[in-house]
């Protein structure tokens, strides 16, 4: 009987030990795209958003954020944040905000970054129309330079 209890306790310890979440301390750029899941948001004013960050060999970060909204949207605001992973957290290097009229907008910018860090672009999209407002956030893939 004691042997069964010990075995049961060992099995429970192994099962519980395997279910403990592990936090990665450093982001990687080697993510397997097949593990990513498409999530379909339930927007009423926004049709599509995208953003992208690329860093060339000279350290020039090329950034782009784009939004398309349904007709009836009067204006759009894009707030973009270039972020660097430093001392265990994401720190804003530079941010920009641009307002647009109409139902679509394309924002792009380049900025030189320091070597030896991971970078990402976080973009906040806001749409306004007919007395309503809708917003969403999008984070680019992580790039190392």
Protein backbone atom coordinates (compact mmCIF):
# COMPACT_ATOMS: atom_id res chain seq x y z
CA UNK A 1 0.00 0.00 0.00
CA UNK A 2 2.81 2.43 0.88
CA UNK A 3 4.51 1.64 -2.41
CA UNK A 4 1.31 2.59 -4.33
CA UNK A 5 1.05 5.88 -2.43
CA UNK A 6 4.70 6.74 -3.18
CA UNK A 7 4.26 5.92 -6.86
CA UNK A 8 1.06 7.99 -6.98
CA UNK A 9 2.82 10.95 -5.32
CA UNK A 10 5.71 10.71 -7.80
CA UNK A 11 3.33 10.65 -10.75
CA UNK A 12 1.41 13.65 -9.39
CA UNK A 13 4.68 15.54 -8.84
CA UNK A 14 5.76 14.88 -12.41
CA UNK A 15 2.40 15.90 -13.85
CA UNK A 16 2.21 19.08 -11.76
CA UNK A 17 5.83 19.90 -12.50
CA UNK A 18 5.18 19.67 -16.23
CA UNK A 19 2.29 22.10 -16.11
CA UNK A 20 4.24 24.97 -14.56
CA UNK A 21 4.53 27.79 -17.11
CA UNK A 22 8.03 28.86 -18.06
CA UNK A 23 8.81 32.45 -19.01
CA UNK A 24 11.53 33.00 -21.60
CA UNK A 25 14.03 35.59 -20.46
CA UNK A 26 15.13 36.68 -23.93
CA UNK A 27 12.93 36.99 -27.02
CA UNK A 28 13.99 35.17 -30.14
CA UNK A 29 13.56 35.83 -33.81
CA UNK A 30 13.50 32.10 -34.62
CA UNK A 31 9.78 31.50 -34.12
CA UNK A 32 8.18 28.71 -36.10
CA UNK A 33 5.40 30.41 -38.08
CA UNK A 34 3.44 27.15 -38.16
CA UNK A 35 2.86 27.55 -34.41
CA UNK A 36 1.14 30.90 -34.85
CA UNK A 37 -2.64 30.99 -34.78
CA UNK A 38 -4.73 33.50 -36.70
CA UNK A 39 -7.07 35.35 -34.39
CA UNK A 40 -10.02 37.05 -36.02
CA UNK A 41 -11.01 40.23 -34.17
CA UNK A 42 -14.61 41.42 -34.07
CA UNK A 43 -14.27 44.96 -35.30
CA UNK A 44 -17.21 47.03 -36.42
CA UNK A 45 -15.27 49.94 -37.97
CA UNK A 46 -11.83 48.48 -38.78
CA UNK A 47 -11.36 46.18 -41.77
CA UNK A 48 -7.65 45.39 -41.54
CA UNK A 49 -4.44 46.50 -39.81
CA UNK A 50 -0.80 45.62 -40.41
CA UNK A 51 2.62 46.72 -39.29
CA UNK A 52 6.16 45.72 -40.11
CA UNK A 53 9.67 46.35 -38.85
CA UNK A 54 12.83 45.57 -40.77
CA UNK A 55 16.37 46.54 -39.80
CA UNK A 56 19.02 46.62 -42.51
CA UNK A 57 22.72 45.83 -42.03
CA UNK A 58 23.48 49.50 -41.35
CA UNK A 59 21.05 49.70 -38.42
CA UNK A 60 18.32 51.60 -40.25
CA UNK A 61 14.96 50.46 -38.86
CA UNK A 62 12.32 50.63 -41.59
CA UNK A 63 8.81 50.78 -40.11
CA UNK A 64 5.36 50.67 -41.67
CA UNK A 65 1.84 50.64 -40.20
CA UNK A 66 -1.33 50.48 -42.30
CA UNK A 67 -5.05 50.49 -41.58
CA UNK A 68 -8.18 50.16 -43.66
CA UNK A 69 -11.58 50.99 -42.19
CA UNK A 70 -15.15 50.78 -43.43
CA UNK A 71 -16.73 53.77 -45.18
CA UNK A 72 -18.24 56.19 -42.71
CA UNK A 73 -14.98 56.54 -40.77
CA UNK A 74 -14.05 60.22 -40.61
CA UNK A 75 -10.52 60.09 -39.22
CA UNK A 76 -7.74 57.78 -38.10
CA UNK A 77 -4.90 58.17 -35.63
CA UNK A 78 -1.80 55.96 -35.73
CA UNK A 79 0.58 55.95 -32.75
CA UNK A 80 3.72 53.90 -33.37
CA UNK A 81 6.32 52.94 -30.78
CA UNK A 82 9.75 51.59 -31.69
CA UNK A 83 10.75 49.47 -28.68
CA UNK A 84 14.01 47.83 -27.55
CA UNK A 85 14.31 44.85 -25.20
CA UNK A 86 16.59 46.01 -22.41
CA UNK A 87 17.14 44.81 -18.83
CA UNK A 88 14.24 42.38 -19.02
CA UNK A 89 11.55 44.67 -20.42
CA UNK A 90 10.50 46.57 -23.54
CA UNK A 91 11.57 50.24 -23.51
CA UNK A 92 10.35 52.89 -25.97
CA UNK A 93 13.19 54.19 -28.14
CA UNK A 94 11.07 56.62 -30.16
CA UNK A 95 7.38 57.19 -30.77
CA UNK A 96 5.31 58.99 -33.40
CA UNK A 97 1.64 59.94 -33.72
CA UNK A 98 -0.02 60.90 -36.99
CA UNK A 99 -3.63 61.87 -37.73
CA UNK A 100 -5.33 61.15 -41.06
CA UNK A 101 -8.68 62.02 -42.62
CA UNK A 102 -10.69 59.33 -44.38
CA UNK A 103 -11.01 55.59 -43.95
CA UNK A 104 -7.46 54.40 -44.68
CA UNK A 105 -3.96 55.39 -43.66
CA UNK A 106 -0.37 54.37 -44.30
CA UNK A 107 2.39 55.47 -41.93
CA UNK A 108 6.08 54.81 -42.58
CA UNK A 109 9.30 55.99 -41.00
CA UNK A 110 12.96 55.06 -40.73
CA UNK A 111 15.13 55.44 -37.64
CA UNK A 112 18.67 54.32 -36.85
CA UNK A 113 18.99 51.92 -33.90
CA UNK A 114 21.84 50.77 -31.68
CA UNK A 115 23.50 47.41 -32.24
CA UNK A 116 23.13 44.48 -29.84
CA UNK A 117 19.41 44.62 -29.02
CA UNK A 118 16.07 43.09 -29.95
CA UNK A 119 13.53 45.53 -31.43
CA UNK A 120 9.82 45.53 -32.19
CA UNK A 121 7.21 48.00 -33.46
CA UNK A 122 4.04 48.42 -31.41
CA UNK A 123 1.27 50.32 -33.20
CA UNK A 124 -1.97 51.67 -31.76
CA UNK A 125 -4.74 52.33 -34.29
CA UNK A 126 -7.72 54.57 -33.51
CA UNK A 127 -10.67 55.17 -35.84
CA UNK A 128 -13.41 57.76 -35.40
CA UNK A 129 -16.69 58.12 -37.23
CA UNK A 130 -20.35 58.87 -36.61
CA UNK A 131 -19.75 59.63 -32.95
CA UNK A 132 -18.12 56.22 -32.38
CA UNK A 133 -14.54 55.20 -31.76
CA UNK A 134 -12.73 51.90 -32.19
CA UNK A 135 -9.13 50.99 -31.48
CA UNK A 136 -6.73 48.10 -31.66
CA UNK A 137 -3.05 47.36 -31.09
CA UNK A 138 -0.60 45.40 -33.22
CA UNK A 139 2.94 44.28 -32.35
CA UNK A 140 5.39 43.41 -35.12
CA UNK A 141 7.74 40.49 -35.20
CA UNK A 142 10.93 40.85 -33.17
CA UNK A 143 14.13 41.83 -34.97
CA UNK A 144 17.70 41.66 -33.70
CA UNK A 145 20.38 44.11 -34.71
